[in-house]
N, C-alpha and C. Protein backbone atom coordinates (compact mmCIF):
# COMPACT_ATOMS: atom_id res chain seq x y z
N MET A 1 56.54 81.01 -0.58
CA MET A 1 55.92 80.81 -1.87
C MET A 1 55.43 79.35 -1.94
N VAL A 2 54.12 79.17 -2.08
CA VAL A 2 53.54 77.84 -2.17
C VAL A 2 53.62 77.38 -3.62
N ILE A 3 54.13 76.18 -3.83
CA ILE A 3 54.28 75.64 -5.18
C ILE A 3 53.21 74.58 -5.41
N ASN A 4 52.40 74.80 -6.41
CA ASN A 4 51.37 73.84 -6.82
C ASN A 4 51.94 73.05 -7.98
N PRO A 5 52.06 71.72 -7.85
CA PRO A 5 52.68 70.96 -8.93
C PRO A 5 51.86 70.93 -10.22
N ASP A 6 50.64 71.46 -10.19
CA ASP A 6 49.83 71.45 -11.40
C ASP A 6 49.87 72.83 -12.07
N SER A 7 51.00 73.11 -12.68
CA SER A 7 51.18 74.41 -13.34
C SER A 7 50.19 74.59 -14.49
N ILE A 8 49.77 73.50 -15.10
CA ILE A 8 48.80 73.59 -16.21
C ILE A 8 47.47 74.12 -15.67
N LYS A 9 47.04 73.61 -14.53
CA LYS A 9 45.79 74.10 -13.93
C LYS A 9 45.92 75.59 -13.58
N SER A 10 47.08 75.99 -13.10
CA SER A 10 47.31 77.41 -12.79
C SER A 10 47.12 78.27 -14.04
N LEU A 11 47.63 77.80 -15.16
CA LEU A 11 47.49 78.56 -16.41
C LEU A 11 46.03 78.60 -16.86
N ILE A 12 45.33 77.48 -16.73
CA ILE A 12 43.91 77.45 -17.11
C ILE A 12 43.11 78.41 -16.22
N ASP A 13 43.39 78.40 -14.92
CA ASP A 13 42.71 79.32 -14.00
C ASP A 13 43.00 80.76 -14.38
N SER A 14 44.23 81.03 -14.78
CA SER A 14 44.61 82.37 -15.21
C SER A 14 43.82 82.77 -16.46
N HIS A 15 43.66 81.84 -17.39
CA HIS A 15 42.88 82.11 -18.60
C HIS A 15 41.45 82.53 -18.25
N ILE A 16 40.84 81.80 -17.32
CA ILE A 16 39.46 82.10 -16.92
C ILE A 16 39.37 83.51 -16.35
N GLY A 17 40.31 83.85 -15.47
CA GLY A 17 40.32 85.18 -14.88
C GLY A 17 40.54 86.28 -15.90
N LEU A 18 41.44 86.04 -16.85
CA LEU A 18 41.71 87.04 -17.88
C LEU A 18 40.49 87.26 -18.77
N LEU A 19 39.83 86.20 -19.15
CA LEU A 19 38.63 86.33 -19.98
C LEU A 19 37.53 87.08 -19.22
N ASP A 20 37.36 86.76 -17.93
CA ASP A 20 36.40 87.49 -17.10
C ASP A 20 36.73 88.98 -17.08
N ASN A 21 38.02 89.30 -16.93
CA ASN A 21 38.44 90.70 -16.89
C ASN A 21 38.18 91.41 -18.21
N MET A 22 38.34 90.70 -19.32
CA MET A 22 38.04 91.30 -20.62
C MET A 22 36.56 91.67 -20.71
N TYR A 23 35.70 90.79 -20.26
CA TYR A 23 34.27 91.08 -20.29
C TYR A 23 33.91 92.23 -19.35
N LEU A 24 34.60 92.33 -18.21
CA LEU A 24 34.38 93.46 -17.31
C LEU A 24 34.81 94.77 -17.97
N LEU A 25 35.95 94.73 -18.67
CA LEU A 25 36.39 95.92 -19.42
C LEU A 25 35.35 96.31 -20.46
N ARG A 26 34.81 95.34 -21.14
CA ARG A 26 33.80 95.62 -22.17
C ARG A 26 32.59 96.31 -21.54
N ARG A 27 32.19 95.85 -20.36
CA ARG A 27 31.05 96.47 -19.68
C ARG A 27 31.36 97.91 -19.28
N THR A 28 32.57 98.14 -18.79
CA THR A 28 32.97 99.50 -18.42
C THR A 28 33.00 100.39 -19.65
N ILE A 29 33.48 99.88 -20.75
CA ILE A 29 33.50 100.64 -22.01
C ILE A 29 32.08 100.99 -22.43
N ASP A 30 31.17 100.03 -22.34
CA ASP A 30 29.77 100.30 -22.71
C ASP A 30 29.17 101.39 -21.82
N ARG A 31 29.46 101.34 -20.52
CA ARG A 31 28.95 102.38 -19.62
C ARG A 31 29.51 103.75 -19.98
N LEU A 32 30.79 103.76 -20.36
CA LEU A 32 31.45 105.02 -20.71
C LEU A 32 30.88 105.60 -22.01
N ILE A 33 30.56 104.75 -22.95
CA ILE A 33 29.96 105.23 -24.21
C ILE A 33 28.64 105.93 -23.92
N ASN A 34 27.87 105.38 -22.99
CA ASN A 34 26.56 105.95 -22.65
C ASN A 34 26.63 107.14 -21.73
N ASN A 35 27.73 107.24 -20.96
CA ASN A 35 27.84 108.31 -19.98
C ASN A 35 29.30 108.71 -19.81
N VAL A 36 29.77 109.62 -20.64
CA VAL A 36 31.17 110.06 -20.56
C VAL A 36 31.37 110.84 -19.27
N SER A 37 32.28 110.34 -18.44
CA SER A 37 32.60 111.05 -17.20
C SER A 37 34.06 110.80 -16.85
N PRO A 38 34.70 111.79 -16.24
CA PRO A 38 36.10 111.61 -15.83
C PRO A 38 36.28 110.41 -14.89
N HIS A 39 35.29 110.19 -14.01
CA HIS A 39 35.35 109.07 -13.07
C HIS A 39 35.41 107.74 -13.81
N LEU A 40 34.55 107.55 -14.81
CA LEU A 40 34.54 106.30 -15.58
C LEU A 40 35.80 106.14 -16.42
N VAL A 41 36.29 107.25 -16.97
CA VAL A 41 37.53 107.19 -17.76
C VAL A 41 38.69 106.72 -16.87
N GLU A 42 38.80 107.30 -15.68
CA GLU A 42 39.89 106.91 -14.77
C GLU A 42 39.72 105.45 -14.34
N GLY A 43 38.48 105.03 -14.09
CA GLY A 43 38.23 103.63 -13.74
C GLY A 43 38.63 102.70 -14.86
N LEU A 44 38.28 103.07 -16.09
CA LEU A 44 38.64 102.26 -17.25
C LEU A 44 40.16 102.18 -17.40
N LYS A 45 40.83 103.28 -17.18
CA LYS A 45 42.30 103.29 -17.28
C LYS A 45 42.91 102.35 -16.25
N ARG A 46 42.43 102.42 -15.01
CA ARG A 46 42.96 101.54 -13.95
C ARG A 46 42.68 100.07 -14.27
N GLU A 47 41.42 99.77 -14.64
CA GLU A 47 41.06 98.38 -14.96
C GLU A 47 41.88 97.86 -16.14
N SER A 48 42.06 98.69 -17.15
CA SER A 48 42.80 98.28 -18.34
C SER A 48 44.26 98.00 -18.02
N MET A 49 44.89 98.88 -17.26
CA MET A 49 46.31 98.68 -16.94
C MET A 49 46.50 97.43 -16.09
N SER A 50 45.58 97.18 -15.17
CA SER A 50 45.66 95.98 -14.35
C SER A 50 45.48 94.73 -15.22
N PHE A 51 44.49 94.76 -16.11
CA PHE A 51 44.26 93.63 -17.02
C PHE A 51 45.48 93.40 -17.90
N LEU A 52 46.03 94.46 -18.49
CA LEU A 52 47.17 94.32 -19.39
C LEU A 52 48.38 93.74 -18.66
N LYS A 53 48.60 94.16 -17.43
CA LYS A 53 49.71 93.61 -16.64
C LYS A 53 49.50 92.11 -16.41
N SER A 54 48.29 91.72 -16.06
CA SER A 54 47.99 90.29 -15.83
C SER A 54 48.15 89.49 -17.11
N MET A 55 47.71 90.05 -18.21
CA MET A 55 47.82 89.37 -19.50
C MET A 55 49.28 89.20 -19.89
N GLU A 56 50.07 90.24 -19.69
CA GLU A 56 51.50 90.16 -19.99
C GLU A 56 52.17 89.10 -19.12
N GLN A 57 51.79 89.02 -17.85
CA GLN A 57 52.36 88.00 -16.96
C GLN A 57 51.99 86.60 -17.44
N ASN A 58 50.74 86.41 -17.86
CA ASN A 58 50.31 85.10 -18.36
C ASN A 58 51.13 84.69 -19.58
N ILE A 59 51.31 85.61 -20.49
CA ILE A 59 52.09 85.32 -21.70
C ILE A 59 53.53 85.00 -21.32
N ARG A 60 54.10 85.77 -20.41
CA ARG A 60 55.48 85.49 -19.96
C ARG A 60 55.58 84.13 -19.29
N CYS A 61 54.59 83.78 -18.47
CA CYS A 61 54.61 82.46 -17.81
C CYS A 61 54.65 81.35 -18.84
N GLU A 62 53.86 81.50 -19.88
CA GLU A 62 53.85 80.47 -20.91
C GLU A 62 55.15 80.47 -21.70
N GLU A 63 55.58 81.65 -22.14
CA GLU A 63 56.76 81.73 -23.01
C GLU A 63 58.07 81.46 -22.27
N GLU A 64 58.17 81.85 -21.01
CA GLU A 64 59.43 81.72 -20.29
C GLU A 64 59.48 80.51 -19.37
N ALA A 65 58.33 79.99 -18.97
CA ALA A 65 58.33 78.84 -18.05
C ALA A 65 57.89 77.55 -18.74
N LEU A 66 56.72 77.57 -19.36
CA LEU A 66 56.18 76.34 -19.96
C LEU A 66 56.84 75.98 -21.28
N PHE A 67 56.85 76.91 -22.22
CA PHE A 67 57.27 76.57 -23.59
C PHE A 67 58.70 76.01 -23.67
N PRO A 68 59.69 76.59 -22.97
CA PRO A 68 61.05 76.02 -23.10
C PRO A 68 61.13 74.57 -22.63
N VAL A 69 60.47 74.25 -21.52
CA VAL A 69 60.50 72.89 -20.99
C VAL A 69 59.75 71.95 -21.93
N LEU A 70 58.60 72.41 -22.40
CA LEU A 70 57.79 71.59 -23.30
C LEU A 70 58.49 71.40 -24.65
N ARG A 71 59.12 72.45 -25.15
CA ARG A 71 59.85 72.36 -26.42
C ARG A 71 60.96 71.31 -26.31
N SER A 72 61.65 71.31 -25.18
CA SER A 72 62.71 70.33 -24.96
C SER A 72 62.15 68.92 -24.93
N ALA A 73 61.00 68.74 -24.29
CA ALA A 73 60.39 67.41 -24.19
C ALA A 73 59.82 66.94 -25.53
N LEU A 74 59.33 67.88 -26.34
CA LEU A 74 58.69 67.51 -27.60
C LEU A 74 59.68 67.33 -28.75
N GLY A 75 60.81 67.97 -28.66
CA GLY A 75 61.79 67.88 -29.74
C GLY A 75 61.22 68.41 -31.04
N SER A 76 61.25 67.60 -32.08
CA SER A 76 60.80 68.03 -33.40
C SER A 76 59.28 68.14 -33.52
N LYS A 77 58.56 67.75 -32.47
CA LYS A 77 57.09 67.82 -32.52
C LYS A 77 56.57 69.08 -31.83
N GLY A 78 57.35 70.14 -31.88
CA GLY A 78 57.01 71.38 -31.18
C GLY A 78 56.17 72.37 -31.97
N ALA A 79 55.56 71.94 -33.06
CA ALA A 79 54.75 72.85 -33.89
C ALA A 79 53.65 73.57 -33.12
N PRO A 80 52.97 72.91 -32.17
CA PRO A 80 51.92 73.64 -31.44
C PRO A 80 52.47 74.86 -30.69
N ILE A 81 53.71 74.79 -30.24
CA ILE A 81 54.31 75.93 -29.54
C ILE A 81 54.48 77.10 -30.50
N ILE A 82 54.90 76.80 -31.72
CA ILE A 82 55.08 77.85 -32.73
C ILE A 82 53.74 78.55 -33.00
N SER A 83 52.68 77.77 -33.09
CA SER A 83 51.35 78.32 -33.30
C SER A 83 50.95 79.24 -32.14
N MET A 84 51.21 78.80 -30.91
CA MET A 84 50.86 79.59 -29.74
C MET A 84 51.67 80.89 -29.69
N LEU A 85 52.94 80.82 -30.09
CA LEU A 85 53.76 82.03 -30.12
C LEU A 85 53.22 83.03 -31.14
N GLY A 86 52.70 82.52 -32.25
CA GLY A 86 52.07 83.40 -33.24
C GLY A 86 50.85 84.09 -32.65
N ASP A 87 50.04 83.33 -31.92
CA ASP A 87 48.88 83.92 -31.24
C ASP A 87 49.33 84.97 -30.23
N HIS A 88 50.38 84.66 -29.48
CA HIS A 88 50.88 85.61 -28.49
C HIS A 88 51.31 86.91 -29.16
N ALA A 89 51.97 86.81 -30.30
CA ALA A 89 52.39 88.03 -31.02
C ALA A 89 51.18 88.86 -31.40
N ASN A 90 50.13 88.20 -31.89
CA ASN A 90 48.91 88.92 -32.26
C ASN A 90 48.23 89.53 -31.04
N LEU A 91 48.21 88.78 -29.94
CA LEU A 91 47.63 89.32 -28.70
C LEU A 91 48.40 90.53 -28.21
N LYS A 92 49.73 90.46 -28.26
CA LYS A 92 50.56 91.58 -27.80
C LYS A 92 50.29 92.83 -28.64
N GLU A 93 50.12 92.65 -29.95
CA GLU A 93 49.81 93.80 -30.81
C GLU A 93 48.47 94.42 -30.42
N GLY A 94 47.46 93.59 -30.22
CA GLY A 94 46.15 94.09 -29.82
C GLY A 94 46.20 94.76 -28.45
N MET A 95 46.96 94.18 -27.54
CA MET A 95 47.11 94.77 -26.21
C MET A 95 47.76 96.14 -26.29
N GLU A 96 48.75 96.27 -27.16
CA GLU A 96 49.42 97.56 -27.30
C GLU A 96 48.48 98.60 -27.92
N ARG A 97 47.67 98.18 -28.89
CA ARG A 97 46.68 99.12 -29.46
C ARG A 97 45.69 99.56 -28.38
N LEU A 98 45.21 98.61 -27.57
CA LEU A 98 44.27 98.95 -26.50
C LEU A 98 44.94 99.90 -25.50
N ARG A 99 46.18 99.61 -25.12
CA ARG A 99 46.90 100.46 -24.17
C ARG A 99 47.00 101.89 -24.71
N THR A 100 47.32 102.03 -25.98
CA THR A 100 47.46 103.37 -26.58
C THR A 100 46.13 104.11 -26.56
N ILE A 101 45.06 103.44 -26.97
CA ILE A 101 43.73 104.07 -26.99
C ILE A 101 43.34 104.52 -25.59
N ILE A 102 43.46 103.61 -24.63
CA ILE A 102 43.01 103.91 -23.26
C ILE A 102 43.89 104.99 -22.61
N THR A 103 45.19 104.91 -22.82
CA THR A 103 46.10 105.90 -22.22
C THR A 103 45.78 107.30 -22.71
N ASN A 104 45.39 107.44 -23.97
CA ASN A 104 45.13 108.76 -24.56
C ASN A 104 43.68 109.22 -24.40
N LEU A 105 42.86 108.46 -23.71
CA LEU A 105 41.45 108.80 -23.53
C LEU A 105 41.31 110.01 -22.61
N GLU A 106 40.62 111.02 -23.08
CA GLU A 106 40.38 112.25 -22.32
C GLU A 106 38.90 112.61 -22.42
N THR A 107 38.41 113.40 -21.45
CA THR A 107 36.98 113.74 -21.43
C THR A 107 36.68 115.18 -21.84
N GLU A 108 37.69 115.95 -22.22
CA GLU A 108 37.42 117.35 -22.58
C GLU A 108 36.45 117.45 -23.75
N ASN A 109 36.65 116.62 -24.77
CA ASN A 109 35.78 116.61 -25.94
C ASN A 109 34.94 115.32 -25.89
N ILE A 110 33.67 115.47 -25.55
CA ILE A 110 32.82 114.31 -25.31
C ILE A 110 32.69 113.44 -26.56
N GLU A 111 32.52 114.05 -27.71
CA GLU A 111 32.37 113.25 -28.94
C GLU A 111 33.65 112.50 -29.28
N GLU A 112 34.79 113.15 -29.09
CA GLU A 112 36.07 112.49 -29.33
C GLU A 112 36.28 111.34 -28.34
N CYS A 113 35.87 111.57 -27.10
CA CYS A 113 35.98 110.53 -26.07
C CYS A 113 35.11 109.32 -26.46
N ARG A 114 33.88 109.58 -26.92
CA ARG A 114 33.01 108.49 -27.34
C ARG A 114 33.61 107.72 -28.52
N LYS A 115 34.17 108.48 -29.47
CA LYS A 115 34.79 107.85 -30.64
C LYS A 115 35.94 106.94 -30.21
N MET A 116 36.81 107.44 -29.35
CA MET A 116 37.95 106.65 -28.90
C MET A 116 37.50 105.47 -28.03
N THR A 117 36.45 105.68 -27.26
CA THR A 117 35.90 104.60 -26.43
C THR A 117 35.33 103.51 -27.32
N ASN A 118 34.70 103.90 -28.42
CA ASN A 118 34.21 102.90 -29.40
C ASN A 118 35.38 102.11 -29.97
N PHE A 119 36.49 102.79 -30.27
CA PHE A 119 37.68 102.09 -30.76
C PHE A 119 38.19 101.10 -29.70
N ALA A 120 38.18 101.54 -28.45
CA ALA A 120 38.60 100.65 -27.36
C ALA A 120 37.68 99.43 -27.30
N GLY A 121 36.39 99.65 -27.50
CA GLY A 121 35.43 98.55 -27.51
C GLY A 121 35.70 97.57 -28.63
N GLU A 122 36.01 98.10 -29.81
CA GLU A 122 36.34 97.23 -30.94
C GLU A 122 37.61 96.43 -30.65
N GLU A 123 38.57 97.08 -30.01
CA GLU A 123 39.83 96.40 -29.71
C GLU A 123 39.63 95.31 -28.66
N ILE A 124 38.85 95.60 -27.62
CA ILE A 124 38.63 94.57 -26.60
C ILE A 124 37.81 93.43 -27.18
N ASP A 125 36.86 93.73 -28.08
CA ASP A 125 36.11 92.65 -28.74
C ASP A 125 37.04 91.76 -29.55
N SER A 126 37.97 92.39 -30.25
CA SER A 126 38.95 91.64 -31.04
C SER A 126 39.83 90.78 -30.13
N LEU A 127 40.26 91.34 -29.00
CA LEU A 127 41.08 90.58 -28.05
C LEU A 127 40.29 89.42 -27.45
N ILE A 128 39.03 89.65 -27.13
CA ILE A 128 38.20 88.57 -26.58
C ILE A 128 38.11 87.43 -27.59
N ASP A 129 37.87 87.77 -28.84
CA ASP A 129 37.75 86.76 -29.89
C ASP A 129 39.06 85.99 -30.05
N LEU A 130 40.16 86.72 -30.20
CA LEU A 130 41.46 86.08 -30.40
C LEU A 130 41.86 85.24 -29.19
N PHE A 131 41.68 85.79 -27.99
CA PHE A 131 42.08 85.08 -26.78
C PHE A 131 41.21 83.83 -26.57
N SER A 132 39.92 83.94 -26.85
CA SER A 132 39.03 82.78 -26.71
C SER A 132 39.47 81.64 -27.62
N ARG A 133 39.79 81.97 -28.87
CA ARG A 133 40.25 80.94 -29.81
C ARG A 133 41.62 80.39 -29.37
N HIS A 134 42.47 81.29 -28.90
CA HIS A 134 43.81 80.89 -28.45
C HIS A 134 43.74 79.92 -27.28
N ILE A 135 42.98 80.26 -26.25
CA ILE A 135 42.94 79.38 -25.08
C ILE A 135 42.25 78.07 -25.39
N ASP A 136 41.33 78.10 -26.32
CA ASP A 136 40.69 76.84 -26.73
C ASP A 136 41.74 75.90 -27.32
N LYS A 137 42.55 76.42 -28.25
CA LYS A 137 43.63 75.61 -28.84
C LYS A 137 44.65 75.19 -27.79
N GLU A 138 45.02 76.14 -26.95
CA GLU A 138 46.05 75.88 -25.97
C GLU A 138 45.61 74.81 -24.97
N GLU A 139 44.39 74.95 -24.48
CA GLU A 139 43.91 74.02 -23.46
C GLU A 139 43.60 72.64 -24.03
N LYS A 140 43.08 72.58 -25.26
CA LYS A 140 42.73 71.29 -25.85
C LYS A 140 43.92 70.57 -26.47
N CYS A 141 44.90 71.31 -26.92
CA CYS A 141 46.03 70.69 -27.62
C CYS A 141 47.32 70.77 -26.79
N LEU A 142 47.81 71.98 -26.60
CA LEU A 142 49.13 72.14 -25.99
C LEU A 142 49.18 71.68 -24.53
N PHE A 143 48.19 72.08 -23.75
CA PHE A 143 48.20 71.69 -22.34
C PHE A 143 47.98 70.19 -22.18
N LYS A 144 47.14 69.64 -23.03
CA LYS A 144 46.92 68.19 -23.01
C LYS A 144 48.25 67.47 -23.31
N LEU A 145 48.94 67.96 -24.30
CA LEU A 145 50.24 67.40 -24.67
C LEU A 145 51.24 67.54 -23.51
N ALA A 146 51.23 68.70 -22.88
CA ALA A 146 52.14 68.93 -21.75
C ALA A 146 51.88 67.93 -20.63
N ARG A 147 50.63 67.68 -20.33
CA ARG A 147 50.29 66.70 -19.27
C ARG A 147 50.77 65.29 -19.64
N GLU A 148 50.79 65.01 -20.94
CA GLU A 148 51.21 63.68 -21.39
C GLU A 148 52.72 63.49 -21.35
N VAL A 149 53.48 64.54 -21.66
CA VAL A 149 54.93 64.35 -21.82
C VAL A 149 55.79 64.88 -20.68
N LEU A 150 55.24 65.76 -19.83
CA LEU A 150 56.06 66.34 -18.76
C LEU A 150 55.92 65.55 -17.47
N ALA A 151 57.03 65.36 -16.79
CA ALA A 151 57.05 64.68 -15.49
C ALA A 151 56.64 65.68 -14.40
N GLU A 152 56.22 65.17 -13.28
CA GLU A 152 55.81 66.03 -12.16
C GLU A 152 56.93 66.98 -11.76
N LYS A 153 58.16 66.51 -11.79
CA LYS A 153 59.31 67.36 -11.44
C LYS A 153 59.38 68.57 -12.38
N GLU A 154 59.13 68.35 -13.67
CA GLU A 154 59.16 69.45 -14.63
C GLU A 154 58.00 70.42 -14.38
N LEU A 155 56.84 69.88 -14.06
CA LEU A 155 55.68 70.72 -13.77
C LEU A 155 55.93 71.59 -12.54
N VAL A 156 56.60 71.03 -11.53
CA VAL A 156 56.93 71.80 -10.33
C VAL A 156 57.90 72.93 -10.69
N GLU A 157 58.89 72.64 -11.52
CA GLU A 157 59.85 73.67 -11.95
C GLU A 157 59.15 74.78 -12.75
N ILE A 158 58.21 74.38 -13.60
CA ILE A 158 57.46 75.37 -14.37
C ILE A 158 56.66 76.26 -13.43
N GLU A 159 56.00 75.66 -12.46
CA GLU A 159 55.20 76.43 -11.49
C GLU A 159 56.09 77.38 -10.70
N LYS A 160 57.26 76.92 -10.31
CA LYS A 160 58.20 77.76 -9.56
C LYS A 160 58.60 78.98 -10.39
N LYS A 161 58.93 78.76 -11.64
CA LYS A 161 59.30 79.87 -12.54
C LYS A 161 58.11 80.82 -12.72
N MET A 162 56.91 80.25 -12.84
CA MET A 162 55.71 81.09 -13.01
C MET A 162 55.51 81.99 -11.78
N LYS A 163 55.71 81.45 -10.60
CA LYS A 163 55.56 82.23 -9.36
C LYS A 163 56.57 83.37 -9.33
N GLU A 164 57.79 83.12 -9.81
CA GLU A 164 58.80 84.17 -9.86
C GLU A 164 58.37 85.30 -10.79
N ILE A 165 57.80 84.93 -11.92
CA ILE A 165 57.33 85.94 -12.89
C ILE A 165 56.19 86.75 -12.28
N GLU A 166 55.29 86.09 -11.58
CA GLU A 166 54.12 86.78 -11.01
C GLU A 166 54.49 87.80 -9.95
N ILE A 167 55.60 87.60 -9.25
CA ILE A 167 55.96 88.56 -8.18
C ILE A 167 56.91 89.65 -8.67
N GLU A 168 57.33 89.59 -9.91
CA GLU A 168 58.22 90.63 -10.44
C GLU A 168 57.48 91.95 -10.59
């Protein structure tokens, strides 16, 4: 396991990949709305489950690796972490709604499939909006703060914990 001492950069890179995946999901949803097919539904299900797993890992990396160390370093100035946890709760709710919609997507009734696919599109749009605002705050405020207050040793420990989460 290679440890990169810049765990903050790893999280930023993860954000970029997750946002790209959300836009890819949106494109797949748009194709499915225009052409309902079992092949596209199965592709959307696979893409969605992969995206949701990656998103859950990113949230866990932040909540289980970064936030505890940063909270300890910040002491009473940990308000930005509370804000990020609130965003995470909202993201998890949206992710669960998307998971439910996508899991139950079937092609037997084309109009019902289109209706549910539209709901999935609305949910991914909502997630894109929420996640974009979240990472903007996180990268401009929380990560900047982390770089200022955390020692390289702490960043290495955070990265190590993140790698453990990623291989689970």
